[in-house]
Amino acid sequence: MSTFLHVLSSGVLLLLPLCCRKRF
């Protein structure tokens, strides 16, 4: 279960910059 949370958190960190770029 901890591995799932780790992958999910890493995915969010990768998606956040993309969302910021789309906004600006």
PDB file of N, CA and C in Angstrom:
ATOM      1  N   MET A   1       0.843  -1.198   0.000  1.00  0.00           N
ATOM      2  CA  MET A   1       0.000   0.000   0.000  1.00  0.00           C
ATOM      3  C   MET A   1       0.881   1.253   0.000  1.00  0.00           C
ATOM      4  N   SER A   2       1.973   1.213   0.747  1.00  0.00           N
ATOM      5  CA  SER A   2       2.865   2.381   0.808  1.00  0.00           C
ATOM      6  C   SER A   2       3.460   2.664  -0.565  1.00  0.00           C
ATOM      7  N   THR A   3       3.711   1.593  -1.335  1.00  0.00           N
ATOM      8  CA  THR A   3       4.280   1.776  -2.675  1.00  0.00           C
ATOM      9  C   THR A   3       3.290   2.523  -3.560  1.00  0.00           C
ATOM     10  N   PHE A   4       2.005   2.229  -3.425  1.00  0.00           N
ATOM     11  CA  PHE A   4       0.962   2.908  -4.212  1.00  0.00           C
ATOM     12  C   PHE A   4       0.945   4.397  -3.897  1.00  0.00           C
ATOM     13  N   LEU A   5       1.053   4.728  -2.608  1.00  0.00           N
ATOM     14  CA  LEU A   5       1.058   6.142  -2.200  1.00  0.00           C
ATOM     15  C   LEU A   5       2.306   6.836  -2.731  1.00  0.00           C
ATOM     16  N   HIS A   6       3.426   6.142  -2.753  1.00  0.00           N
ATOM     17  CA  HIS A   6       4.675   6.728  -3.245  1.00  0.00           C
ATOM     18  C   HIS A   6       4.564   7.038  -4.730  1.00  0.00           C
ATOM     19  N   VAL A   7       4.004   6.102  -5.490  1.00  0.00           N
ATOM     20  CA  VAL A   7       3.830   6.307  -6.932  1.00  0.00           C
ATOM     21  C   VAL A   7       2.830   7.428  -7.187  1.00  0.00           C
ATOM     22  N   LEU A   8       1.773   7.473  -6.386  1.00  0.00           N
ATOM     23  CA  LEU A   8       0.753   8.508  -6.553  1.00  0.00           C
ATOM     24  C   LEU A   8       1.341   9.894  -6.276  1.00  0.00           C
ATOM     25  N   SER A   9       2.118  10.001  -5.207  1.00  0.00           N
ATOM     26  CA  SER A   9       2.738  11.293  -4.853  1.00  0.00           C
ATOM     27  C   SER A   9       3.722  11.724  -5.940  1.00  0.00           C
ATOM     28  N   SER A  10       4.498  10.787  -6.453  1.00  0.00           N
ATOM     29  CA  SER A  10       5.468  11.119  -7.503  1.00  0.00           C
ATOM     30  C   SER A  10       4.741  11.554  -8.769  1.00  0.00           C
ATOM     31  N   GLY A  11       3.611  10.929  -9.062  1.00  0.00           N
ATOM     32  CA  GLY A  11       2.818  11.296 -10.236  1.00  0.00           C
ATOM     33  C   GLY A  11       2.258  12.700 -10.090  1.00  0.00           C
ATOM     34  N   VAL A  12       1.802  13.038  -8.888  1.00  0.00           N
ATOM     35  CA  VAL A  12       1.256  14.384  -8.643  1.00  0.00           C
ATOM     36  C   VAL A  12       2.353  15.432  -8.824  1.00  0.00           C
ATOM     37  N   LEU A  13       3.560  15.119  -8.320  1.00  0.00           N
ATOM     38  CA  LEU A  13       4.676  16.066  -8.441  1.00  0.00           C
ATOM     39  C   LEU A  13       5.023  16.278  -9.909  1.00  0.00           C
ATOM     40  N   LEU A  14       4.836  15.250 -10.732  1.00  0.00           N
ATOM     41  CA  LEU A  14       5.144  15.382 -12.163  1.00  0.00           C
ATOM     42  C   LEU A  14       4.029  16.126 -12.887  1.00  0.00           C
ATOM     43  N   LEU A  15       2.790  15.976 -12.427  1.00  0.00           N
ATOM     44  CA  LEU A  15       1.652  16.619 -13.104  1.00  0.00           C
ATOM     45  C   LEU A  15       1.496  18.083 -12.711  1.00  0.00           C
ATOM     46  N   LEU A  16       1.909  18.442 -11.496  1.00  0.00           N
ATOM     47  CA  LEU A  16       1.765  19.836 -11.036  1.00  0.00           C
ATOM     48  C   LEU A  16       2.460  20.834 -11.960  1.00  0.00           C
ATOM     49  N   PRO A  17       3.730  20.629 -12.326  1.00  0.00           N
ATOM     50  CA  PRO A  17       4.423  21.563 -13.224  1.00  0.00           C
ATOM     51  C   PRO A  17       3.706  21.694 -14.560  1.00  0.00           C
ATOM     52  N   LEU A  18       3.142  20.616 -15.073  1.00  0.00           N
ATOM     53  CA  LEU A  18       2.432  20.661 -16.357  1.00  0.00           C
ATOM     54  C   LEU A  18       1.195  21.527 -16.242  1.00  0.00           C
ATOM     55  N   CYS A  19       0.468  21.414 -15.131  1.00  0.00           N
ATOM     56  CA  CYS A  19      -0.739  22.231 -14.921  1.00  0.00           C
ATOM     57  C   CYS A  19      -0.363  23.705 -14.815  1.00  0.00           C
ATOM     58  N   CYS A  20       0.727  23.987 -14.125  1.00  0.00           N
ATOM     59  CA  CYS A  20       1.173  25.379 -13.958  1.00  0.00           C
ATOM     60  C   CYS A  20       1.540  25.964 -15.313  1.00  0.00           C
ATOM     61  N   ARG A  21       2.196  25.172 -16.163  1.00  0.00           N
ATOM     62  CA  ARG A  21       2.595  25.651 -17.487  1.00  0.00           C
ATOM     63  C   ARG A  21       1.369  25.932 -18.336  1.00  0.00           C
ATOM     64  N   LYS A  22       0.349  25.106 -18.213  1.00  0.00           N
ATOM     65  CA  LYS A  22      -0.879  25.304 -18.999  1.00  0.00           C
ATOM     66  C   LYS A  22      -1.590  26.581 -18.561  1.00  0.00           C
ATOM     67  N   ARG A  23      -1.568  26.861 -17.258  1.00  0.00           N
ATOM     68  CA  ARG A  23      -2.233  28.068 -16.742  1.00  0.00           C
ATOM     69  C   ARG A  23      -1.518  29.316 -17.260  1.00  0.00           C
ATOM     70  N   PHE A  24      -0.191  29.322 -17.122  1.00  0.00           N
ATOM     71  CA  PHE A  24       0.588  30.465 -17.604  1.00  0.00           C
ATOM     72  C   PHE A  24       0.961  30.173 -19.033  1.00  0.00           C
TER      73      PHE A  24
END
